[in-house]
Structure formats: structure tokens, C-alpha cells
Protein backbone atom coordinates (compact mmCIF):
# COMPACT_ATOMS: atom_id res chain seq x y z
CA MET A 1 82.25 73.85 113.42
CA THR A 2 79.39 75.77 115.44
CA ASP A 3 76.31 76.64 113.85
CA GLN A 4 77.36 79.99 114.22
CA THR A 5 80.66 79.52 112.11
CA ALA A 6 78.78 77.86 109.86
CA LYS A 7 76.00 80.50 109.14
CA MET A 8 78.51 83.24 109.16
CA GLU A 9 80.57 81.33 106.81
CA ALA A 10 77.42 80.83 104.83
CA ILE A 11 76.53 84.58 104.84
CA LEU A 12 80.13 85.22 103.56
CA ARG A 13 79.75 82.76 100.35
CA SER A 14 76.38 84.24 99.28
CA ALA A 15 77.85 87.57 99.50
CA ASP A 16 80.87 86.76 97.49
CA GLU A 17 78.86 84.54 94.44
CA ALA A 18 76.82 87.71 94.60
CA PHE A 19 79.62 90.02 93.93
CA LYS A 20 81.55 87.96 91.93
CA GLU A 21 78.51 88.11 89.22
CA LEU A 22 77.75 91.57 90.15
CA ILE A 23 82.01 92.60 89.01
CA HIS A 24 81.49 90.04 85.62
CA GLU A 25 78.61 92.20 84.30
CA LYS A 26 80.80 94.57 81.66
CA ASP A 27 78.66 97.62 82.64
CA VAL A 28 79.58 97.24 86.54
CA LEU A 29 83.70 96.17 85.48
CA ALA A 30 83.69 99.27 83.00
CA TRP A 31 82.28 101.77 85.78
CA THR A 32 85.00 100.22 88.48
CA ALA A 33 87.63 100.20 86.13
CA LYS A 34 86.99 103.76 85.14
CA ALA A 35 86.43 104.58 89.18
CA ALA A 36 89.90 102.86 89.94
CA VAL A 37 92.11 102.54 86.76
CA ASP A 38 94.74 105.46 85.96
CA GLU A 39 94.60 104.97 82.33
CA PHE A 40 91.19 104.93 82.24
CA LYS A 41 89.92 107.55 84.29
CA ASN A 42 89.20 109.84 80.79
CA LEU A 43 88.28 107.08 78.71
CA ASP A 44 84.43 107.30 78.02
CA VAL A 45 82.87 104.10 79.55
CA GLU A 46 81.08 102.33 76.21
CA VAL A 47 85.01 102.67 75.24
CA ILE A 48 86.04 100.62 78.64
CA LYS A 49 83.50 98.24 77.81
CA ASP A 50 85.22 96.83 74.40
CA MET A 51 88.50 96.51 75.37
CA ILE A 52 87.29 94.47 78.44
CA CYS A 53 88.72 90.91 77.30
CA GLU A 54 85.46 88.83 76.98
CA ASP A 55 83.98 85.18 76.55
CA GLY A 56 81.19 85.45 74.66
CA CYS A 57 78.59 87.74 76.50
CA LYS A 58 80.18 87.27 79.86
CA VAL A 59 83.62 89.40 81.14
CA LEU A 60 86.53 86.45 81.05
CA GLY A 61 87.27 86.48 84.57
CA LEU A 62 90.92 84.55 84.15
CA SER A 63 90.00 82.61 88.12
CA GLU A 64 93.79 82.32 87.65
CA GLU A 65 95.21 80.23 90.91
CA PRO A 66 99.13 81.72 90.71
CA ASN A 67 101.07 79.07 92.69
CA LEU A 68 104.70 79.89 93.70
CA LEU A 69 107.28 77.58 94.61
CA GLY A 70 106.56 76.95 98.27
CA ALA A 71 103.36 80.09 98.63
CA GLY A 72 100.82 77.93 97.69
CA ARG A 73 97.51 78.66 95.35
CA ILE A 74 95.31 82.00 95.91
CA ARG A 75 92.07 81.59 94.08
CA LEU A 76 91.37 85.08 92.09
CA ASP A 77 87.76 84.76 90.34
CA ASN A 78 87.99 88.51 89.97
CA LEU A 79 90.99 88.96 87.78
CA PHE A 80 90.26 90.72 84.44
CA GLY A 81 92.42 91.58 81.21
CA PHE A 82 91.89 94.18 78.76
CA LYS A 83 92.66 94.82 75.19
CA TYR A 84 93.11 97.41 72.28
CA PRO A 85 90.73 97.92 69.54
CA ASP A 86 92.92 95.80 67.35
CA GLY A 87 92.80 92.84 69.86
CA LYS A 88 95.86 92.95 71.10
CA LYS A 89 96.46 92.96 75.06
CA ILE A 90 97.28 95.68 76.89
CA GLY A 91 100.11 95.40 79.68
CA LEU A 92 97.77 95.58 82.68
CA LEU A 93 95.84 92.86 85.12
CA LEU A 94 92.52 94.22 87.10
CA ASN A 95 91.47 91.99 90.28
CA VAL A 96 88.49 93.42 92.44
CA GLU A 97 87.65 92.42 95.63
CA SER A 98 84.86 93.31 97.95
CA GLN A 99 85.43 93.38 101.71
CA ASN A 100 82.25 94.08 103.84
CA ARG A 101 83.77 94.26 106.79
CA ARG A 102 85.40 97.30 108.74
CA ASN A 103 88.00 94.97 110.74
CA PRO A 104 88.04 91.42 108.99
CA GLY A 105 89.85 89.68 112.00
CA TYR A 106 93.53 90.30 109.75
CA PRO A 107 95.10 93.53 108.00
CA LEU A 108 93.53 94.05 105.16
CA ASP A 109 96.60 95.72 103.64
CA LEU A 110 98.41 92.87 104.26
CA ARG A 111 96.02 90.68 101.97
CA ALA A 112 96.21 93.02 99.27
CA LEU A 113 100.01 93.75 99.29
CA TYR A 114 100.32 89.64 98.78
CA TYR A 115 97.87 89.36 96.31
CA VAL A 116 99.29 92.43 94.21
CA THR A 117 102.47 91.20 94.66
CA ARG A 118 101.54 87.65 93.76
CA LEU A 119 100.11 88.74 90.78
CA PHE A 120 103.06 90.59 89.66
CA ALA A 121 105.59 87.74 90.51
CA PHE A 122 102.82 84.97 88.89
CA GLN A 123 103.84 86.30 85.18
CA ASP A 124 106.88 84.65 83.39
CA PRO A 125 108.99 87.24 81.51
CA ARG A 126 111.16 84.99 80.37
CA GLY A 127 113.83 87.43 81.15
CA ASN A 128 112.01 90.25 79.19
CA TYR A 129 111.31 92.26 82.00
CA GLU A 130 109.52 94.87 80.15
CA ASP A 131 106.93 92.29 79.36
CA LEU A 132 105.70 92.27 82.67
CA LYS A 133 101.93 93.51 83.02
CA SER A 134 100.98 96.57 85.16
CA VAL A 135 98.92 95.01 88.01
CA TYR A 136 96.03 96.53 90.22
CA SER A 137 94.41 95.34 93.19
CA VAL A 138 90.86 96.91 93.98
CA TRP A 139 89.56 96.35 97.23
CA ILE A 140 85.62 97.97 97.21
CA MET A 141 84.32 98.34 100.69
CA PRO A 142 80.64 98.82 101.47
CA ARG A 143 79.06 100.88 103.53
CA SER A 144 82.78 101.77 105.26
CA CYS A 145 82.34 105.59 105.42
CA ASP A 146 79.84 107.78 107.85
CA ASP A 147 80.69 110.87 106.43
CA GLY A 148 78.55 110.77 103.17
CA VAL A 149 81.69 111.16 101.20
CA VAL A 150 83.51 108.11 98.88
CA HIS A 151 87.44 108.03 99.70
CA ILE A 152 89.74 106.52 97.50
CA ASN A 153 93.23 106.04 98.36
CA THR A 154 95.75 104.43 95.97
CA TYR A 155 98.91 103.04 97.15
CA ALA A 156 102.27 102.06 94.83
CA MET A 157 106.26 102.37 95.29
CA ARG A 158 107.44 105.55 96.30
CA ASN A 159 110.85 106.62 97.23
CA VAL A 160 109.75 107.32 100.96
CA GLU A 161 112.00 110.71 100.88
CA GLY A 162 109.66 112.23 99.14
CA PRO A 163 108.62 113.33 95.37
CA ALA A 164 111.10 115.99 95.27
CA GLN A 165 113.54 112.69 94.92
CA PRO A 166 114.50 109.89 92.08
CA GLN A 167 111.73 107.34 91.65
CA LEU A 168 111.67 104.15 90.26
CA GLU A 169 110.60 104.41 86.37
CA HIS A 170 108.42 101.63 86.91
CA GLY A 171 107.22 102.25 89.99
CA ASP A 172 103.96 102.47 89.61
CA SER A 173 103.80 98.53 88.05
CA MET A 174 101.80 97.25 90.92
CA LYS A 175 98.96 99.50 92.71
CA LEU A 176 97.01 98.89 95.37
CA VAL A 177 93.28 101.25 95.13
CA PHE A 178 90.75 101.12 98.59
CA ILE A 179 87.70 102.37 97.84
CA HIS A 180 85.90 103.24 100.86
CA LEU A 181 81.77 103.80 100.34
CA PRO A 182 79.35 105.90 101.98
CA ARG A 183 76.07 104.48 103.44
CA ARG A 184 74.15 106.47 100.80
CA TYR A 185 74.08 107.14 96.82
CA ARG A 186 73.71 111.08 96.12
CA ALA A 187 74.74 112.00 93.37
CA ARG A 188 72.93 114.24 90.87
CA LYS A 189 75.17 113.10 87.76
CA ALA A 190 76.53 110.02 86.79
CA ASN A 191 80.05 109.25 87.80
CA PRO A 192 82.29 106.29 88.61
CA LEU A 193 82.43 106.71 92.62
CA ALA A 194 78.27 107.00 92.53
CA PHE A 195 78.00 104.29 90.10
CA LEU A 196 80.05 102.07 93.02
CA THR A 197 77.65 103.54 95.64
CA LEU A 198 74.49 102.66 94.17
CA MET A 199 75.33 99.16 93.05
CA PHE A 200 77.67 97.88 96.35
CA SER A 201 76.36 100.24 98.91
CA ASP A 202 73.32 101.69 99.40
CA THR A 203 70.94 99.34 100.84
CA SER A 204 68.04 101.74 100.94
CA ILE A 205 67.09 102.38 97.58
CA LYS A 206 64.08 100.81 95.96
CA GLU A 207 64.03 98.52 92.80
CA ASP A 208 61.76 100.78 91.01
CA ARG A 209 64.35 104.37 91.83
CA LEU A 210 67.27 101.93 91.11
CA ILE A 211 66.11 100.99 87.54
CA ASP A 212 65.29 104.60 86.57
CA ILE A 213 68.47 105.98 88.01
CA LEU A 214 70.80 103.09 86.05
CA ASN A 215 68.48 103.23 82.87
CA ASN A 216 68.57 107.16 82.60
CA LYS A 217 71.73 107.75 84.14
CA TYR A 218 74.13 104.94 83.49
CA LYS A 219 72.26 103.96 80.25
CA ILE A 220 72.35 99.99 81.73
CA SER A 221 68.97 98.03 81.19
CA THR A 222 70.79 94.23 82.44
CA THR A 223 67.82 92.62 84.58
CA ASN A 224 70.50 90.28 85.68
CA LEU A 225 72.33 93.19 87.64
CA PHE A 226 69.18 93.62 89.84
CA LYS A 227 69.05 89.93 91.15
CA TRP A 228 72.53 89.62 91.54
CA ARG A 229 72.62 93.32 93.90
CA GLY A 230 69.48 92.22 95.67
CA LYS A 231 71.54 89.46 97.26
CA PHE A 232 74.79 91.35 97.62
CA MET A 233 72.06 93.95 99.79
CA ASN A 234 70.87 91.17 101.39
CA SER A 235 73.83 89.94 103.00
CA PHE A 236 74.40 93.19 104.89
CA ALA A 237 71.02 92.44 106.69
CA GLU A 238 71.58 88.46 107.39
CA ASP A 239 75.11 89.66 108.54
CA ILE A 240 74.29 92.25 110.49
CA SER A 241 72.30 90.26 112.95
CA GLU A 242 74.78 87.18 112.72
CA TYR A 243 77.73 89.18 113.39
CA TYR A 244 76.60 90.25 116.64
CA LYS A 245 76.28 86.47 117.78
CA TYR A 246 79.47 85.58 115.62
CA GLN A 247 81.55 88.76 117.45
CA GLY A 248 80.68 87.59 121.40
CA PHE A 249 76.64 87.62 121.87
CA GLU A 250 77.25 84.09 122.62
CA LEU A 251 78.90 85.51 126.14
CA GLY A 252 75.14 87.21 126.28
CA LYS A 253 73.38 84.00 126.14
CA ALA A 254 75.47 82.49 129.25
CA GLU A 255 74.09 85.62 131.28
CA GLY A 256 70.68 85.83 129.92
CA LYS A 257 71.33 89.21 128.14
CA ALA A 258 70.46 88.69 124.43
CA GLU A 259 69.31 85.85 122.06
CA GLY A 260 71.20 88.04 118.92
CA LYS A 261 68.20 89.97 118.66
CA ALA A 262 67.44 93.34 120.60
CA GLU A 263 64.08 94.55 120.97
CA SER A 264 65.25 98.32 120.07
CA GLU A 265 68.22 99.97 119.22
CA GLU A 266 68.41 101.28 122.54
CA SER A 267 68.80 98.01 124.11
CA PHE A 268 70.75 96.64 121.60
CA ALA A 269 73.08 99.49 122.20
CA LYS A 270 73.25 98.46 126.22
CA ILE A 271 73.70 94.95 125.27
CA LEU A 272 77.23 95.78 123.15
CA SER A 273 78.07 98.34 125.01
CA GLU A 274 78.10 95.99 128.26
CA HIS A 275 80.00 93.53 126.25
CA ILE A 276 82.73 95.57 124.91
CA LEU A 277 83.19 96.92 128.73
CA SER A 278 83.82 92.78 129.44
CA ARG A 279 86.64 92.74 126.82
CA SER A 280 88.40 95.86 129.62
CA PRO A 281 89.16 98.81 127.59
CA ARG A 282 91.47 100.97 128.92
CA ASP A 283 90.10 104.11 127.46
CA MET A 284 87.27 105.23 125.00
CA GLU A 285 90.39 104.57 121.57
CA GLU A 286 90.65 100.87 122.72
CA ALA A 287 86.63 100.85 123.19
CA ARG A 288 86.16 102.50 119.81
CA THR A 289 88.81 100.13 118.43
CA ILE A 290 86.52 97.03 119.95
CA LEU A 291 82.95 98.25 118.61
CA ALA A 292 85.19 98.75 114.67
CA GLU A 293 84.67 94.93 114.62
CA PHE A 294 81.05 95.19 114.71
CA ASN A 295 79.03 96.09 110.91
CA ILE A 296 76.52 98.34 112.47
CA SER A 297 75.19 101.24 111.70
CA ALA A 298 76.18 105.19 112.16
CA GLU A 299 72.62 105.51 114.63
CA LEU A 300 73.64 102.36 116.63
CA TYR A 301 77.39 103.46 116.79
CA SER A 302 76.51 106.68 117.98
CA MET A 303 74.43 105.54 120.99
CA THR A 304 76.88 102.63 121.76
CA LEU A 305 79.84 105.45 122.07
CA ALA A 306 77.13 107.13 124.33
CA GLU A 307 76.65 103.98 126.69
CA LEU A 308 80.57 103.22 126.99
CA ARG A 309 81.04 107.03 127.87
CA LYS A 310 78.71 106.95 131.36
CA SER A 311 80.91 104.00 132.42
CA LEU A 312 84.47 105.13 130.89
CA ASP A 313 83.65 108.41 132.04
CA THR A 314 86.28 110.27 129.59
CA TYR A 315 86.18 111.69 125.85
């Protein structure tokens, strides 16, 4: 294992640990469930908090390792169940994951499909198929929108001929939810999607303003949130500088072009465009595809595109 690979794996572990601690806080999980789960969208957050299966003051992550014959195990640290006020379990499982990279190196939708189908198949109905729980697999993608708007997309089994055609009665039993968050929190009122942007995506908010927003808008005063949110935000800063090196800036070292850091965004954009051009994109569309592999600011993204256009001479 190279030093760069080891550093990247350490950063990923740090981000995963911080996300796990955040999503296991009842307030955070309740707002996330309200944003993503159709059955909860019309419920008050305090009601949802009371419905979360818990162990003491901590949310109970079921930490299941669904193991099917010949399929191996998958570790799910962020898997949650819910109950009615009388204590009876609700037929719903919620898995929440975070994906910080635009291009993780594999098709994210296939990974999400793998998770949700494994969770559904892991249940043992013993012939009583009506007892199968519905499964949500929610994927939060911080800083993945450059238009300043939250994009949430939910997928279930549908008749491909259209909604007017006969549909499966239980086609909604497995749902994938992808939540793309913008870089800045701008909401005037408390709402679930804005909360996710505040908690997982906006690195610019200072701690005093964060505390004020959480206390006054969302009625949250858990100090533990600030510690783990800080670690999660720091992983972005570490990730950016190391990601360049990990994705190909070691090639620049051999030519004396870069040491993993640039003195300015302008020079960084030139270095990044040179690296992309070294991979021989045929046109700007292919260059954009390569550029999407890098977790960079919108400003640096635009500057790099401008450098690429000078060489590819096409829009």
C-alpha cells in the first residue's frame, strides 16, 4: 500500500466515523427520515424521534451484516428500525449512507441497488410474505450540486410502460433515495432538506452561527453534534488536497509540475487541465467526465474548464 493510498483510506475512515456518529443522533436521524421517507413526510419531527427504536439515549443502529449463501457479508452500521407509540415495530427499515465523491470509482446506483435488495432478501418471512418490511436505502451526497438547490430523487419498481399501466401492489417495498446537496445553506425556515445541507454540506458556516441556527430554528442543543460535524467537515478539506494526489498528481511529480499543492487556484487549474489532457480526451464532453472525478470547488471547476477549452478548442 502506497503512502497516498493509506492517507486516502484514513480520510475515508474518518469521514465514515463522523457520519456514523452524526446519523446516530436522534435529531439528525429524525430530520433525515422526514426528508427521505414518504411515510414520515407529514409527521412532526418530535413524533418521528419518538418512533425511532432506541437503546438508552442513543439511536439503535441495527449494525446488521446481511449474509446470503454465496453472496458474502456487507456491513451496515447505519440501519434503523421504527416503532408505533404502543411499542409495536413498524414494517420499515431505513439504511442511510454518505457518498462524498462525485465519482467513487464504481456505479453508485448499482451499489445502492445491491444494498437495498440484500436488505430486502435478508428478511426471513417464513412463508408470510406480507410480513416483509419495506426497505429504504438513502444516499446523502454533500456538495454535489452547483446550482444551489437540493435535488432528491426516489426510485421504486414501476411498470416501464408508464403510470397508466397496471402497477405492482407492493412495488414500493424497496426504495432508493439519492439526495444531492448544494454547498451553501440558505433556508429562512426550518425544513428537512435544508437541515441536511446545514449538517452535511456547508463548510463555510462558523460554529456560533451553526449553534444559533440549530438552537432557534431546529430546537437542537446537542453539543455532541458540533464535535462530529466538525470532523465530517474537516474531511472535505483533507480530502481535496489528498484527492488530487491520489487521482493522478503523482504523475505531475515525475515531471516536476506539482507536489500535491498549488500556490493559487489559477496554477492549480492549469496543472489539473494538463493532467486531464494527458489522458487524451477526444472532446470537451470526455474532459468534463474526467474532471468530474475530482472533488473541487465550483470556481476551480470553471477555471479548469476554461483551460481545457484553450487546448481542445471546442465547447
